[in-house]
Amino acid sequence: SAKTLSQPGCGLTLLKRLEHSINNYLHVVRLLHVEQGEQEGPA
């Protein structure tokens, strides 16, 4: 959301990289249960 409101430049680039990093972690943590044979966790 902050990225979509940002002006082009250094700040936008940092937000894009931060989003990419967070998404990498989301991807890996989501897949952890698949590799370990666990079921989806509770709410």
PDB file of all heavy atoms in Angstrom:
ATOM      1  N   SER A   1       0.835  -1.217   0.000  1.00  0.00           N
ATOM      2  CA  SER A   1       0.000   0.000   0.000  1.00  0.00           C
ATOM      3  C   SER A   1       0.861   1.255   0.000  1.00  0.00           C
ATOM      4  O   SER A   1       0.589   2.202  -0.748  1.00  0.00           O
ATOM      5  CB  SER A   1      -0.928   0.018   1.216  1.00  0.00           C
ATOM      6  OG  SER A   1      -1.857  -1.023   1.139  1.00  0.00           O
ATOM      7  N   ALA A   2       1.887   1.275   0.847  1.00  0.00           N
ATOM      8  CA  ALA A   2       2.788   2.436   0.901  1.00  0.00           C
ATOM      9  C   ALA A   2       3.513   2.603  -0.428  1.00  0.00           C
ATOM     10  O   ALA A   2       3.722   3.726  -0.893  1.00  0.00           O
ATOM     11  CB  ALA A   2       3.784   2.280   2.050  1.00  0.00           C
ATOM     12  N   LYS A   3       3.872   1.490  -1.042  1.00  0.00           N
ATOM     13  CA  LYS A   3       4.577   1.528  -2.329  1.00  0.00           C
ATOM     14  C   LYS A   3       3.717   2.177  -3.405  1.00  0.00           C
ATOM     15  O   LYS A   3       4.213   2.978  -4.198  1.00  0.00           O
ATOM     16  CB  LYS A   3       4.962   0.093  -2.722  1.00  0.00           C
ATOM     17  CG  LYS A   3       5.848  -0.022  -3.924  1.00  0.00           C
ATOM     18  CD  LYS A   3       6.136  -1.465  -4.245  1.00  0.00           C
ATOM     19  CE  LYS A   3       4.931  -2.064  -4.903  1.00  0.00           C
ATOM     20  NZ  LYS A   3       5.076  -3.384  -5.426  1.00  0.00           N
ATOM     21  N   THR A   4       2.430   1.861  -3.424  1.00  0.00           N
ATOM     22  CA  THR A   4       1.556   2.428  -4.455  1.00  0.00           C
ATOM     23  C   THR A   4       1.375   3.935  -4.288  1.00  0.00           C
ATOM     24  O   THR A   4       1.063   4.627  -5.256  1.00  0.00           O
ATOM     25  CB  THR A   4       0.163   1.754  -4.462  1.00  0.00           C
ATOM     26  OG1 THR A   4      -0.468   1.965  -3.208  1.00  0.00           O
ATOM     27  CG2 THR A   4       0.267   0.270  -4.761  1.00  0.00           C
ATOM     28  N   LEU A   5       1.585   4.446  -3.081  1.00  0.00           N
ATOM     29  CA  LEU A   5       1.443   5.879  -2.820  1.00  0.00           C
ATOM     30  C   LEU A   5       2.762   6.642  -2.926  1.00  0.00           C
ATOM     31  O   LEU A   5       2.791   7.864  -2.796  1.00  0.00           O
ATOM     32  CB  LEU A   5       0.855   6.096  -1.420  1.00  0.00           C
ATOM     33  CG  LEU A   5      -0.547   5.538  -1.189  1.00  0.00           C
ATOM     34  CD1 LEU A   5      -0.928   5.648   0.276  1.00  0.00           C
ATOM     35  CD2 LEU A   5      -1.564   6.234  -2.080  1.00  0.00           C
ATOM     36  N   SER A   6       3.861   5.912  -3.144  1.00  0.00           N
ATOM     37  CA  SER A   6       5.185   6.526  -3.173  1.00  0.00           C
ATOM     38  C   SER A   6       5.498   7.124  -4.535  1.00  0.00           C
ATOM     39  O   SER A   6       5.061   6.620  -5.574  1.00  0.00           O
ATOM     40  CB  SER A   6       6.262   5.493  -2.843  1.00  0.00           C
ATOM     41  OG  SER A   6       6.150   5.095  -1.509  1.00  0.00           O
ATOM     42  N   GLN A   7       6.288   8.184  -4.504  1.00  0.00           N
ATOM     43  CA  GLN A   7       6.779   8.812  -5.725  1.00  0.00           C
ATOM     44  C   GLN A   7       7.965   8.003  -6.249  1.00  0.00           C
ATOM     45  O   GLN A   7       8.684   7.381  -5.479  1.00  0.00           O
ATOM     46  CB  GLN A   7       7.229  10.251  -5.435  1.00  0.00           C
ATOM     47  CG  GLN A   7       6.113  11.149  -4.943  1.00  0.00           C
ATOM     48  CD  GLN A   7       5.028  11.331  -5.996  1.00  0.00           C
ATOM     49  OE1 GLN A   7       5.307  11.506  -7.167  1.00  0.00           O
ATOM     50  NE2 GLN A   7       3.770  11.260  -5.568  1.00  0.00           N
ATOM     51  N   PRO A   8       8.194   8.030  -7.569  1.00  0.00           N
ATOM     52  CA  PRO A   8       9.367   7.335  -8.108  1.00  0.00           C
ATOM     53  C   PRO A   8      10.639   7.869  -7.466  1.00  0.00           C
ATOM     54  O   PRO A   8      10.734   9.045  -7.139  1.00  0.00           O
ATOM     55  CB  PRO A   8       9.323   7.673  -9.598  1.00  0.00           C
ATOM     56  CG  PRO A   8       7.899   8.015  -9.879  1.00  0.00           C
ATOM     57  CD  PRO A   8       7.373   8.644  -8.615  1.00  0.00           C
ATOM     58  N   GLY A   9      11.579   6.973  -7.266  1.00  0.00           N
ATOM     59  CA  GLY A   9      12.857   7.364  -6.690  1.00  0.00           C
ATOM     60  C   GLY A   9      13.368   6.331  -5.714  1.00  0.00           C
ATOM     61  O   GLY A   9      12.917   5.183  -5.684  1.00  0.00           O
ATOM     62  N   CYS A  10      14.290   6.768  -4.920  1.00  0.00           N
ATOM     63  CA  CYS A  10      14.990   5.893  -3.990  1.00  0.00           C
ATOM     64  C   CYS A  10      14.042   5.233  -2.985  1.00  0.00           C
ATOM     65  O   CYS A  10      14.165   4.051  -2.687  1.00  0.00           O
ATOM     66  CB  CYS A  10      16.042   6.730  -3.270  1.00  0.00           C
ATOM     67  SG  CYS A  10      17.357   5.786  -2.549  1.00  0.00           S
ATOM     68  N   GLY A  11      13.109   6.000  -2.451  1.00  0.00           N
ATOM     69  CA  GLY A  11      12.171   5.455  -1.472  1.00  0.00           C
ATOM     70  C   GLY A  11      11.317   4.346  -2.049  1.00  0.00           C
ATOM     71  O   GLY A  11      11.100   3.313  -1.413  1.00  0.00           O
ATOM     72  N   LEU A  12      10.840   4.537  -3.255  1.00  0.00           N
ATOM     73  CA  LEU A  12      10.031   3.524  -3.925  1.00  0.00           C
ATOM     74  C   LEU A  12      10.862   2.265  -4.167  1.00  0.00           C
ATOM     75  O   LEU A  12      10.392   1.152  -3.960  1.00  0.00           O
ATOM     76  CB  LEU A  12       9.481   4.063  -5.246  1.00  0.00           C
ATOM     77  CG  LEU A  12       8.641   3.098  -6.075  1.00  0.00           C
ATOM     78  CD1 LEU A  12       7.422   2.624  -5.303  1.00  0.00           C
ATOM     79  CD2 LEU A  12       8.224   3.755  -7.384  1.00  0.00           C
ATOM     80  N   THR A  13      12.098   2.446  -4.569  1.00  0.00           N
ATOM     81  CA  THR A  13      12.994   1.303  -4.789  1.00  0.00           C
ATOM     82  C   THR A  13      13.194   0.515  -3.504  1.00  0.00           C
ATOM     83  O   THR A  13      13.153  -0.720  -3.507  1.00  0.00           O
ATOM     84  CB  THR A  13      14.356   1.796  -5.330  1.00  0.00           C
ATOM     85  OG1 THR A  13      14.127   2.509  -6.550  1.00  0.00           O
ATOM     86  CG2 THR A  13      15.297   0.637  -5.590  1.00  0.00           C
ATOM     87  N   LEU A  14      13.401   1.214  -2.392  1.00  0.00           N
ATOM     88  CA  LEU A  14      13.559   0.537  -1.102  1.00  0.00           C
ATOM     89  C   LEU A  14      12.298  -0.233  -0.718  1.00  0.00           C
ATOM     90  O   LEU A  14      12.381  -1.375  -0.241  1.00  0.00           O
ATOM     91  CB  LEU A  14      13.901   1.542  -0.006  1.00  0.00           C
ATOM     92  CG  LEU A  14      15.359   1.956   0.077  1.00  0.00           C
ATOM     93  CD1 LEU A  14      15.527   3.125   1.040  1.00  0.00           C
ATOM     94  CD2 LEU A  14      16.229   0.796   0.513  1.00  0.00           C
ATOM     95  N   LEU A  15      11.147   0.371  -0.923  1.00  0.00           N
ATOM     96  CA  LEU A  15       9.895  -0.318  -0.599  1.00  0.00           C
ATOM     97  C   LEU A  15       9.696  -1.554  -1.478  1.00  0.00           C
ATOM     98  O   LEU A  15       9.217  -2.590  -1.004  1.00  0.00           O
ATOM     99  CB  LEU A  15       8.710   0.633  -0.738  1.00  0.00           C
ATOM    100  CG  LEU A  15       8.569   1.675   0.370  1.00  0.00           C
ATOM    101  CD1 LEU A  15       7.452   2.654   0.046  1.00  0.00           C
ATOM    102  CD2 LEU A  15       8.330   1.014   1.718  1.00  0.00           C
ATOM    103  N   LYS A  16      10.070  -1.471  -2.752  1.00  0.00           N
ATOM    104  CA  LYS A  16       9.974  -2.634  -3.644  1.00  0.00           C
ATOM    105  C   LYS A  16      10.877  -3.759  -3.144  1.00  0.00           C
ATOM    106  O   LYS A  16      10.483  -4.928  -3.129  1.00  0.00           O
ATOM    107  CB  LYS A  16      10.357  -2.258  -5.072  1.00  0.00           C
ATOM    108  CG  LYS A  16       9.312  -1.467  -5.801  1.00  0.00           C
ATOM    109  CD  LYS A  16       9.791  -1.107  -7.209  1.00  0.00           C
ATOM    110  CE  LYS A  16       8.746  -0.313  -7.967  1.00  0.00           C
ATOM    111  NZ  LYS A  16       9.210   0.064  -9.319  1.00  0.00           N
ATOM    112  N   ARG A  17      12.091  -3.409  -2.753  1.00  0.00           N
ATOM    113  CA  ARG A  17      13.029  -4.428  -2.255  1.00  0.00           C
ATOM    114  C   ARG A  17      12.554  -5.015  -0.934  1.00  0.00           C
ATOM    115  O   ARG A  17      12.676  -6.213  -0.693  1.00  0.00           O
ATOM    116  CB  ARG A  17      14.423  -3.834  -2.116  1.00  0.00           C
ATOM    117  CG  ARG A  17      15.005  -3.484  -3.491  1.00  0.00           C
ATOM    118  CD  ARG A  17      16.497  -3.364  -3.532  1.00  0.00           C
ATOM    119  NE  ARG A  17      17.142  -4.496  -2.942  1.00  0.00           N
ATOM    120  CZ  ARG A  17      18.006  -4.415  -1.918  1.00  0.00           C
ATOM    121  NH1 ARG A  17      18.325  -3.266  -1.399  1.00  0.00           N
ATOM    122  NH2 ARG A  17      18.569  -5.497  -1.431  1.00  0.00           N
ATOM    123  N   LEU A  18      12.003  -4.170  -0.063  1.00  0.00           N
ATOM    124  CA  LEU A  18      11.466  -4.656   1.205  1.00  0.00           C
ATOM    125  C   LEU A  18      10.303  -5.609   0.948  1.00  0.00           C
ATOM    126  O   LEU A  18      10.232  -6.699   1.535  1.00  0.00           O
ATOM    127  CB  LEU A  18      11.021  -3.478   2.084  1.00  0.00           C
ATOM    128  CG  LEU A  18      10.328  -3.832   3.401  1.00  0.00           C
ATOM    129  CD1 LEU A  18      11.223  -4.706   4.276  1.00  0.00           C
ATOM    130  CD2 LEU A  18       9.923  -2.560   4.141  1.00  0.00           C
ATOM    131  N   GLU A  19       9.416  -5.234   0.055  1.00  0.00           N
ATOM    132  CA  GLU A  19       8.287  -6.103  -0.283  1.00  0.00           C
ATOM    133  C   GLU A  19       8.778  -7.443  -0.844  1.00  0.00           C
ATOM    134  O   GLU A  19       8.270  -8.504  -0.478  1.00  0.00           O
ATOM    135  CB  GLU A  19       7.379  -5.412  -1.303  1.00  0.00           C
ATOM    136  CG  GLU A  19       6.173  -6.249  -1.688  1.00  0.00           C
ATOM    137  CD  GLU A  19       5.353  -5.641  -2.798  1.00  0.00           C
ATOM    138  OE1 GLU A  19       5.896  -4.880  -3.623  1.00  0.00           O
ATOM    139  OE2 GLU A  19       4.152  -5.951  -2.851  1.00  0.00           O
ATOM    140  N   HIS A  20       9.775  -7.396  -1.702  1.00  0.00           N
ATOM    141  CA  HIS A  20      10.345  -8.620  -2.279  1.00  0.00           C
ATOM    142  C   HIS A  20      10.916  -9.519  -1.174  1.00  0.00           C
ATOM    143  O   HIS A  20      10.686 -10.731  -1.161  1.00  0.00           O
ATOM    144  CB  HIS A  20      11.417  -8.254  -3.304  1.00  0.00           C
ATOM    145  CG  HIS A  20      12.045  -9.421  -3.967  1.00  0.00           C
ATOM    146  ND1 HIS A  20      11.427 -10.133  -4.971  1.00  0.00           N
ATOM    147  CD2 HIS A  20      13.237 -10.028  -3.757  1.00  0.00           C
ATOM    148  CE1 HIS A  20      12.214 -11.122  -5.355  1.00  0.00           C
ATOM    149  NE2 HIS A  20      13.316 -11.082  -4.637  1.00  0.00           N
ATOM    150  N   SER A  21      11.630  -8.918  -0.241  1.00  0.00           N
ATOM    151  CA  SER A  21      12.221  -9.681   0.860  1.00  0.00           C
ATOM    152  C   SER A  21      11.134 -10.316   1.728  1.00  0.00           C
ATOM    153  O   SER A  21      11.207 -11.500   2.081  1.00  0.00           O
ATOM    154  CB  SER A  21      13.113  -8.769   1.704  1.00  0.00           C
ATOM    155  OG  SER A  21      13.714  -9.491   2.748  1.00  0.00           O
ATOM    156  N   ILE A  22      10.113  -9.535   2.073  1.00  0.00           N
ATOM    157  CA  ILE A  22       9.009 -10.062   2.884  1.00  0.00           C
ATOM    158  C   ILE A  22       8.320 -11.202   2.149  1.00  0.00           C
ATOM    159  O   ILE A  22       8.023 -12.249   2.742  1.00  0.00           O
ATOM    160  CB  ILE A  22       7.996  -8.940   3.221  1.00  0.00           C
ATOM    161  CG1 ILE A  22       8.640  -7.876   4.105  1.00  0.00           C
ATOM    162  CG2 ILE A  22       6.758  -9.523   3.902  1.00  0.00           C
ATOM    163  CD1 ILE A  22       7.837  -6.588   4.205  1.00  0.00           C
ATOM    164  N   ASN A  23       8.083 -11.030   0.857  1.00  0.00           N
ATOM    165  CA  ASN A  23       7.432 -12.082   0.068  1.00  0.00           C
ATOM    166  C   ASN A  23       8.274 -13.343  -0.005  1.00  0.00           C
ATOM    167  O   ASN A  23       7.729 -14.453  -0.016  1.00  0.00           O
ATOM    168  CB  ASN A  23       7.080 -11.571  -1.327  1.00  0.00           C
ATOM    169  CG  ASN A  23       5.896 -10.628  -1.301  1.00  0.00           C
ATOM    170  OD1 ASN A  23       5.048 -10.683  -0.414  1.00  0.00           O
ATOM    171  ND2 ASN A  23       5.829  -9.735  -2.271  1.00  0.00           N
ATOM    172  N   ASN A  24       9.601 -13.208  -0.060  1.00  0.00           N
ATOM    173  CA  ASN A  24      10.469 -14.386  -0.024  1.00  0.00           C
ATOM    174  C   ASN A  24      10.259 -15.157   1.280  1.00  0.00           C
ATOM    175  O   ASN A  24      10.153 -16.385   1.275  1.00  0.00           O
ATOM    176  CB  ASN A  24      11.943 -13.987  -0.161  1.00  0.00           C
ATOM    177  CG  ASN A  24      12.339 -13.704  -1.584  1.00  0.00           C
ATOM    178  OD1 ASN A  24      11.645 -14.051  -2.534  1.00  0.00           O
ATOM    179  ND2 ASN A  24      13.474 -13.039  -1.745  1.00  0.00           N
ATOM    180  N   TYR A  25      10.220 -14.438   2.389  1.00  0.00           N
ATOM    181  CA  TYR A  25       9.990 -15.098   3.677  1.00  0.00           C
ATOM    182  C   TYR A  25       8.597 -15.719   3.737  1.00  0.00           C
ATOM    183  O   TYR A  25       8.442 -16.846   4.246  1.00  0.00           O
ATOM    184  CB  TYR A  25      10.186 -14.113   4.842  1.00  0.00           C
ATOM    185  CG  TYR A  25      11.641 -13.919   5.174  1.00  0.00           C
ATOM    186  CD1 TYR A  25      12.332 -12.807   4.723  1.00  0.00           C
ATOM    187  CD2 TYR A  25      12.333 -14.862   5.931  1.00  0.00           C
ATOM    188  CE1 TYR A  25      13.677 -12.631   5.007  1.00  0.00           C
ATOM    189  CE2 TYR A  25      13.673 -14.699   6.226  1.00  0.00           C
ATOM    190  CZ  TYR A  25      14.343 -13.586   5.766  1.00  0.00           C
ATOM    191  OH  TYR A  25      15.678 -13.429   6.052  1.00  0.00           O
ATOM    192  N   LEU A  26       7.590 -15.017   3.248  1.00  0.00           N
ATOM    193  CA  LEU A  26       6.245 -15.585   3.215  1.00  0.00           C
ATOM    194  C   LEU A  26       6.230 -16.896   2.444  1.00  0.00           C
ATOM    195  O   LEU A  26       5.644 -17.886   2.889  1.00  0.00           O
ATOM    196  CB  LEU A  26       5.271 -14.601   2.553  1.00  0.00           C
ATOM    197  CG  LEU A  26       4.595 -13.594   3.463  1.00  0.00           C
ATOM    198  CD1 LEU A  26       3.893 -12.519   2.639  1.00  0.00           C
ATOM    199  CD2 LEU A  26       3.621 -14.268   4.403  1.00  0.00           C
ATOM    200  N   HIS A  27       6.872 -16.900   1.296  1.00  0.00           N
ATOM    201  CA  HIS A  27       6.922 -18.099   0.454  1.00  0.00           C
ATOM    202  C   HIS A  27       7.581 -19.262   1.200  1.00  0.00           C
ATOM    203  O   HIS A  27       7.031 -20.375   1.249  1.00  0.00           O
ATOM    204  CB  HIS A  27       7.677 -17.780  -0.843  1.00  0.00           C
ATOM    205  CG  HIS A  27       7.825 -18.941  -1.754  1.00  0.00           C
ATOM    206  ND1 HIS A  27       6.770 -19.466  -2.479  1.00  0.00           N
ATOM    207  CD2 HIS A  27       8.903 -19.700  -2.057  1.00  0.00           C
ATOM    208  CE1 HIS A  27       7.195 -20.496  -3.182  1.00  0.00           C
ATOM    209  NE2 HIS A  27       8.490 -20.657  -2.954  1.00  0.00           N
ATOM    210  N   VAL A  28       8.722 -19.009   1.787  1.00  0.00           N
ATOM    211  CA  VAL A  28       9.449 -20.083   2.478  1.00  0.00           C
ATOM    212  C   VAL A  28       8.672 -20.576   3.691  1.00  0.00           C
ATOM    213  O   VAL A  28       8.518 -21.780   3.895  1.00  0.00           O
ATOM    214  CB  VAL A  28      10.870 -19.605   2.886  1.00  0.00           C
ATOM    215  CG1 VAL A  28      11.529 -20.606   3.816  1.00  0.00           C
ATOM    216  CG2 VAL A  28      11.728 -19.391   1.651  1.00  0.00           C
ATOM    217  N   VAL A  29       8.153 -19.660   4.497  1.00  0.00           N
ATOM    218  CA  VAL A  29       7.429 -20.078   5.710  1.00  0.00           C
ATOM    219  C   VAL A  29       6.140 -20.813   5.343  1.00  0.00           C
ATOM    220  O   VAL A  29       5.780 -21.789   6.006  1.00  0.00           O
ATOM    221  CB  VAL A  29       7.163 -18.873   6.643  1.00  0.00           C
ATOM    222  CG1 VAL A  29       6.308 -19.275   7.835  1.00  0.00           C
ATOM    223  CG2 VAL A  29       8.485 -18.276   7.138  1.00  0.00           C
ATOM    224  N   ARG A  30       5.464 -20.403   4.284  1.00  0.00           N
ATOM    225  CA  ARG A  30       4.264 -21.129   3.831  1.00  0.00           C
ATOM    226  C   ARG A  30       4.606 -22.557   3.429  1.00  0.00           C
ATOM    227  O   ARG A  30       3.827 -23.479   3.652  1.00  0.00           O
ATOM    228  CB  ARG A  30       3.624 -20.428   2.638  1.00  0.00           C
ATOM    229  CG  ARG A  30       2.757 -19.282   3.004  1.00  0.00           C
ATOM    230  CD  ARG A  30       2.044 -18.723   1.781  1.00  0.00           C
ATOM    231  NE  ARG A  30       1.356 -17.510   2.116  1.00  0.00           N
ATOM    232  CZ  ARG A  30       1.513 -16.354   1.471  1.00  0.00           C
ATOM    233  NH1 ARG A  30       2.301 -16.270   0.422  1.00  0.00           N
ATOM    234  NH2 ARG A  30       0.851 -15.293   1.855  1.00  0.00           N
ATOM    235  N   LEU A  31       5.759 -22.740   2.797  1.00  0.00           N
ATOM    236  CA  LEU A  31       6.136 -24.073   2.321  1.00  0.00           C
ATOM    237  C   LEU A  31       6.726 -24.963   3.416  1.00  0.00           C
ATOM    238  O   LEU A  31       6.854 -26.168   3.204  1.00  0.00           O
ATOM    239  CB  LEU A  31       7.143 -23.959   1.176  1.00  0.00           C
ATOM    240  CG  LEU A  31       6.599 -23.368  -0.121  1.00  0.00           C
ATOM    241  CD1 LEU A  31       7.695 -23.274  -1.163  1.00  0.00           C
ATOM    242  CD2 LEU A  31       5.436 -24.197  -0.648  1.00  0.00           C
ATOM    243  N   LEU A  32       7.053 -24.419   4.546  1.00  0.00           N
ATOM    244  CA  LEU A  32       7.660 -25.233   5.608  1.00  0.00           C
ATOM    245  C   LEU A  32       6.780 -26.410   5.991  1.00  0.00           C
ATOM    246  O   LEU A  32       7.257 -27.510   6.177  1.00  0.00           O
ATOM    247  CB  LEU A  32       7.955 -24.381   6.847  1.00  0.00           C
ATOM    248  CG  LEU A  32       9.139 -23.454   6.744  1.00  0.00           C
ATOM    249  CD1 LEU A  32       9.249 -22.599   8.010  1.00  0.00           C
ATOM    250  CD2 LEU A  32      10.436 -24.208   6.515  1.00  0.00           C
ATOM    251  N   HIS A  33       5.479 -26.200   6.092  1.00  0.00           N
ATOM    252  CA  HIS A  33       4.590 -27.292   6.483  1.00  0.00           C
ATOM    253  C   HIS A  33       4.540 -28.386   5.433  1.00  0.00           C
ATOM    254  O   HIS A  33       4.405 -29.547   5.761  1.00  0.00           O
ATOM    255  CB  HIS A  33       3.195 -26.768   6.805  1.00  0.00           C
ATOM    256  CG  HIS A  33       2.404 -26.387   5.605  1.00  0.00           C
ATOM    257  ND1 HIS A  33       2.635 -25.235   4.896  1.00  0.00           N
ATOM    258  CD2 HIS A  33       1.381 -27.024   4.974  1.00  0.00           C
ATOM    259  CE1 HIS A  33       1.792 -25.167   3.889  1.00  0.00           C
ATOM    260  NE2 HIS A  33       1.027 -26.227   3.910  1.00  0.00           N
ATOM    261  N   VAL A  34       4.670 -28.032   4.165  1.00  0.00           N
ATOM    262  CA  VAL A  34       4.641 -29.012   3.083  1.00  0.00           C
ATOM    263  C   VAL A  34       5.856 -29.927   3.195  1.00  0.00           C
ATOM    264  O   VAL A  34       5.746 -31.137   3.130  1.00  0.00           O
ATOM    265  CB  VAL A  34       4.613 -28.308   1.705  1.00  0.00           C
ATOM    266  CG1 VAL A  34       4.747 -29.316   0.587  1.00  0.00           C
ATOM    267  CG2 VAL A  34       3.340 -27.500   1.563  1.00  0.00           C
ATOM    268  N   GLU A  35       7.019 -29.331   3.408  1.00  0.00           N
ATOM    269  CA  GLU A  35       8.260 -30.107   3.507  1.00  0.00           C
ATOM    270  C   GLU A  35       8.272 -30.983   4.758  1.00  0.00           C
ATOM    271  O   GLU A  35       8.848 -32.036   4.770  1.00  0.00           O
ATOM    272  CB  GLU A  35       9.461 -29.169   3.535  1.00  0.00           C
ATOM    273  CG  GLU A  35       9.652 -28.437   2.239  1.00  0.00           C
ATOM    274  CD  GLU A  35      10.961 -28.752   1.592  1.00  0.00           C
ATOM    275  OE1 GLU A  35      11.844 -29.314   2.250  1.00  0.00           O
ATOM    276  OE2 GLU A  35      11.103 -28.435   0.412  1.00  0.00           O
ATOM    277  N   GLN A  36       7.638 -30.514   5.828  1.00  0.00           N
ATOM    278  CA  GLN A  36       7.678 -31.254   7.085  1.00  0.00           C
ATOM    279  C   GLN A  36       6.455 -32.145   7.267  1.00  0.00           C
ATOM    280  O   GLN A  36       6.319 -32.788   8.299  1.00  0.00           O
ATOM    281  CB  GLN A  36       7.802 -30.276   8.261  1.00  0.00           C
ATOM    282  CG  GLN A  36       8.985 -29.341   8.168  1.00  0.00           C
ATOM    283  CD  GLN A  36      10.312 -30.057   7.980  1.00  0.00           C
ATOM    284  OE1 GLN A  36      10.467 -31.220   8.348  1.00  0.00           O
ATOM    285  NE2 GLN A  36      11.272 -29.378   7.403  1.00  0.00           N
ATOM    286  N   GLY A  37       5.549 -32.142   6.295  1.00  0.00           N
ATOM    287  CA  GLY A  37       4.387 -33.018   6.356  1.00  0.00           C
ATOM    288  C   GLY A  37       3.342 -32.581   7.367  1.00  0.00           C
ATOM    289  O   GLY A  37       2.551 -33.387   7.824  1.00  0.00           O
ATOM    290  N   GLU A  38       3.300 -31.317   7.721  1.00  0.00           N
ATOM    291  CA  GLU A  38       2.341 -30.837   8.701  1.00  0.00           C
ATOM    292  C   GLU A  38       1.085 -30.333   8.005  1.00  0.00           C
ATOM    293  O   GLU A  38       1.114 -29.932   6.851  1.00  0.00           O
ATOM    294  CB  GLU A  38       2.938 -29.692   9.524  1.00  0.00           C
ATOM    295  CG  GLU A  38       4.081 -30.130  10.372  1.00  0.00           C
ATOM    296  CD  GLU A  38       4.610 -28.998  11.237  1.00  0.00           C
ATOM    297  OE1 GLU A  38       4.047 -27.895  11.192  1.00  0.00           O
ATOM    298  OE2 GLU A  38       5.567 -29.229  11.947  1.00  0.00           O
ATOM    299  N   GLN A  39      -0.006 -30.333   8.752  1.00  0.00           N
ATOM    300  CA  GLN A  39      -1.259 -29.771   8.263  1.00  0.00           C
ATOM    301  C   GLN A  39      -1.240 -28.271   8.481  1.00  0.00           C
ATOM    302  O   GLN A  39      -0.454 -27.749   9.261  1.00  0.00           O
ATOM    303  CB  GLN A  39      -2.444 -30.395   9.010  1.00  0.00           C
ATOM    304  CG  GLN A  39      -2.537 -31.901   8.823  1.00  0.00           C
ATOM    305  CD  GLN A  39      -2.681 -32.280   7.358  1.00  0.00           C
ATOM    306  OE1 GLN A  39      -3.479 -31.704   6.645  1.00  0.00           O
ATOM    307  NE2 GLN A  39      -1.894 -33.248   6.908  1.00  0.00           N
ATOM    308  N   GLU A  40      -2.165 -27.578   7.815  1.00  0.00           N
ATOM    309  CA  GLU A  40      -2.304 -26.129   7.967  1.00  0.00           C
ATOM    310  C   GLU A  40      -2.608 -25.817   9.426  1.00  0.00           C
ATOM    311  O   GLU A  40      -3.403 -26.492  10.064  1.00  0.00           O
ATOM    312  CB  GLU A  40      -3.421 -25.621   7.058  1.00  0.00           C
ATOM    313  CG  GLU A  40      -3.488 -24.129   6.944  1.00  0.00           C
ATOM    314  CD  GLU A  40      -2.286 -23.524   6.269  1.00  0.00           C
ATOM    315  OE1 GLU A  40      -1.699 -24.171   5.390  1.00  0.00           O
ATOM    316  OE2 GLU A  40      -1.927 -22.397   6.622  1.00  0.00           O
ATOM    317  N   GLY A  41      -1.961 -24.803   9.952  1.00  0.00           N
ATOM    318  CA  GLY A  41      -2.129 -24.430  11.353  1.00  0.00           C
ATOM    319  C   GLY A  41      -3.479 -23.786  11.619  1.00  0.00           C
ATOM    320  O   GLY A  41      -4.165 -23.324  10.714  1.00  0.00           O
ATOM    321  N   PRO A  42      -3.867 -23.740  12.899  1.00  0.00           N
ATOM    322  CA  PRO A  42      -5.135 -23.126  13.267  1.00  0.00           C
ATOM    323  C   PRO A  42      -5.070 -21.610  13.128  1.00  0.00           C
ATOM    324  O   PRO A  42      -3.999 -21.034  13.035  1.00  0.00           O
ATOM    325  CB  PRO A  42      -5.287 -23.535  14.740  1.00  0.00           C
ATOM    326  CG  PRO A  42      -3.879 -23.734  15.218  1.00  0.00           C
ATOM    327  CD  PRO A  42      -3.112 -24.241  14.031  1.00  0.00           C
ATOM    328  N   ALA A  43      -6.243 -21.001  13.166  1.00  0.00           N
ATOM    329  CA  ALA A  43      -6.286 -19.536  13.155  1.00  0.00           C
ATOM    330  C   ALA A  43      -5.585 -19.030  14.407  1.00  0.00           C
ATOM    331  O   ALA A  43      -5.612 -19.675  15.448  1.00  0.00           O
ATOM    332  CB  ALA A  43      -7.731 -19.063  13.112  1.00  0.00           C
TER     333      ALA A  43
END
